[in-house]
C-alpha atoms as a PDB file:
ATOM      1  CA  MET A   1      82.176 115.960 -63.601  1.00  0.00           C
ATOM      2  CA  ASN A   2      78.423 116.132 -63.279  1.00  0.00           C
ATOM      3  CA  SER A   3      76.376 119.298 -63.392  1.00  0.00           C
ATOM      4  CA  SER A   4      75.891 119.482 -59.631  1.00  0.00           C
ATOM      5  CA  ALA A   5      79.627 119.394 -58.906  1.00  0.00           C
ATOM      6  CA  GLY A   6      80.260 122.009 -61.581  1.00  0.00           C
ATOM      7  CA  MET A   7      77.611 124.298 -60.153  1.00  0.00           C
ATOM      8  CA  LEU A   8      79.045 123.864 -56.647  1.00  0.00           C
ATOM      9  CA  GLY A   9      82.519 124.713 -57.917  1.00  0.00           C
ATOM     10  CA  LEU A  10      81.183 127.806 -59.660  1.00  0.00           C
ATOM     11  CA  LEU A  11      79.368 128.864 -56.488  1.00  0.00           C
ATOM     12  CA  VAL A  12      82.534 128.501 -54.407  1.00  0.00           C
ATOM     13  CA  LEU A  13      84.558 130.447 -56.960  1.00  0.00           C
ATOM     14  CA  VAL A  14      82.018 133.276 -57.148  1.00  0.00           C
ATOM     15  CA  THR A  15      81.879 133.443 -53.343  1.00  0.00           C
ATOM     16  CA  LEU A  16      85.656 133.701 -53.050  1.00  0.00           C
ATOM     17  CA  VAL A  17      85.903 136.361 -55.755  1.00  0.00           C
ATOM     18  CA  ALA A  18      83.070 138.372 -54.179  1.00  0.00           C
ATOM     19  CA  GLY A  19      84.768 138.252 -50.789  1.00  0.00           C
ATOM     20  CA  LEU A  20      88.082 139.326 -52.285  1.00  0.00           C
ATOM     21  CA  VAL A  21      86.568 142.227 -54.214  1.00  0.00           C
ATOM     22  CA  ALA A  22      84.598 143.375 -51.148  1.00  0.00           C
ATOM     23  CA  ALA A  23      87.730 143.215 -48.971  1.00  0.00           C
ATOM     24  CA  LEU A  24      89.725 145.203 -51.531  1.00  0.00           C
ATOM     25  CA  ALA A  25      86.969 147.807 -51.756  1.00  0.00           C
ATOM     26  CA  ALA A  26      86.941 148.129 -47.969  1.00  0.00           C
ATOM     27  CA  ALA A  27      90.721 148.455 -47.762  1.00  0.00           C
ATOM     28  CA  LEU A  28      90.779 151.090 -50.488  1.00  0.00           C
ATOM     29  CA  ALA A  29      87.919 153.052 -48.905  1.00  0.00           C
ATOM     30  CA  GLY A  30      89.648 152.995 -45.530  1.00  0.00           C
ATOM     31  CA  LEU A  31      92.956 154.052 -47.052  1.00  0.00           C
ATOM     32  CA  LEU A  32      91.377 156.906 -48.984  1.00  0.00           C
ATOM     33  CA  ALA A  33      89.494 158.055 -45.892  1.00  0.00           C
ATOM     34  CA  ARG A  34      92.727 158.126 -43.858  1.00  0.00           C
ATOM     35  CA  MET A  35      94.506 160.022 -46.640  1.00  0.00           C
ATOM     36  CA  ASP A  36      91.631 162.514 -46.586  1.00  0.00           C
ATOM     37  CA  GLY A  37      92.320 163.204 -42.904  1.00  0.00           C
ATOM     38  CA  ALA A  38      89.624 161.099 -41.261  1.00  0.00           C
ATOM     39  CA  SER A  39      90.284 159.545 -37.885  1.00  0.00           C
ATOM     40  CA  VAL A  40      90.947 155.821 -37.632  1.00  0.00           C
ATOM     41  CA  ALA A  41      87.417 155.218 -36.340  1.00  0.00           C
ATOM     42  CA  ALA A  42      85.840 157.202 -39.167  1.00  0.00           C
ATOM     43  CA  ALA A  43      88.023 155.434 -41.737  1.00  0.00           C
ATOM     44  CA  ALA A  44      87.010 152.046 -40.311  1.00  0.00           C
ATOM     45  CA  LEU A  45      83.370 153.075 -40.490  1.00  0.00           C
ATOM     46  CA  ARG A  46      83.737 154.052 -44.150  1.00  0.00           C
ATOM     47  CA  ALA A  47      85.588 150.830 -44.870  1.00  0.00           C
ATOM     48  CA  GLY A  48      82.821 148.797 -43.242  1.00  0.00           C
ATOM     49  CA  GLY A  49      80.211 150.601 -45.269  1.00  0.00           C
ATOM     50  CA  ALA A  50      82.117 150.010 -48.481  1.00  0.00           C
ATOM     51  CA  PHE A  51      82.519 146.321 -47.598  1.00  0.00           C
ATOM     52  CA  SER A  52      78.819 145.844 -46.964  1.00  0.00           C
ATOM     53  CA  VAL A  53      77.773 147.697 -50.117  1.00  0.00           C
ATOM     54  CA  ALA A  54      80.241 145.809 -52.294  1.00  0.00           C
ATOM     55  CA  LEU A  55      79.188 142.466 -50.833  1.00  0.00           C
ATOM     56  CA  THR A  56      75.505 143.296 -51.323  1.00  0.00           C
ATOM     57  CA  VAL A  57      75.978 144.274 -54.964  1.00  0.00           C
ATOM     58  CA  LEU A  58      78.139 141.245 -55.710  1.00  0.00           C
ATOM     59  CA  THR A  59      75.641 138.917 -54.018  1.00  0.00           C
ATOM     60  CA  ALA A  60      72.825 140.375 -56.099  1.00  0.00           C
ATOM     61  CA  LEU A  61      74.879 139.895 -59.264  1.00  0.00           C
ATOM     62  CA  ALA A  62      75.692 136.309 -58.292  1.00  0.00           C
ATOM     63  CA  ALA A  63      72.017 135.593 -57.645  1.00  0.00           C
ATOM     64  CA  LEU A  64      71.141 137.060 -61.039  1.00  0.00           C
ATOM     65  CA  GLY A  65      73.804 134.938 -62.682  1.00  0.00           C
ATOM     66  CA  VAL A  66      72.558 131.774 -61.016  1.00  0.00           C
ATOM     67  CA  SER A  67      68.987 132.497 -62.020  1.00  0.00           C
ATOM     68  CA  LEU A  68      70.054 133.088 -65.615  1.00  0.00           C
ATOM     69  CA  LEU A  69      72.034 129.835 -65.700  1.00  0.00           C
ATOM     70  CA  ARG A  70      69.040 127.756 -64.615  1.00  0.00           C
END
C-alpha cells in the first residue's frame, strides 16, 4: 500500500468516526433535553446544536492531525 492510499484510508476512517461521535452527541443531547422537560422542538434544536459543535471540534482536530502528519 502506498502512502496516498494509506492517507485516504485514514481520512475515511477519521470522517466516519467524527460523524459517529457527532451523531451520538446529538442523540444524547436530545435525550437529556427531553428528560429535562423540553418540548420535542426544543430538544431537536439542542441536538442540532450539539451535532454542529461536535462536528466542528472533530473537524478541527482532524485538520490538526493531518497537518502534524505532513
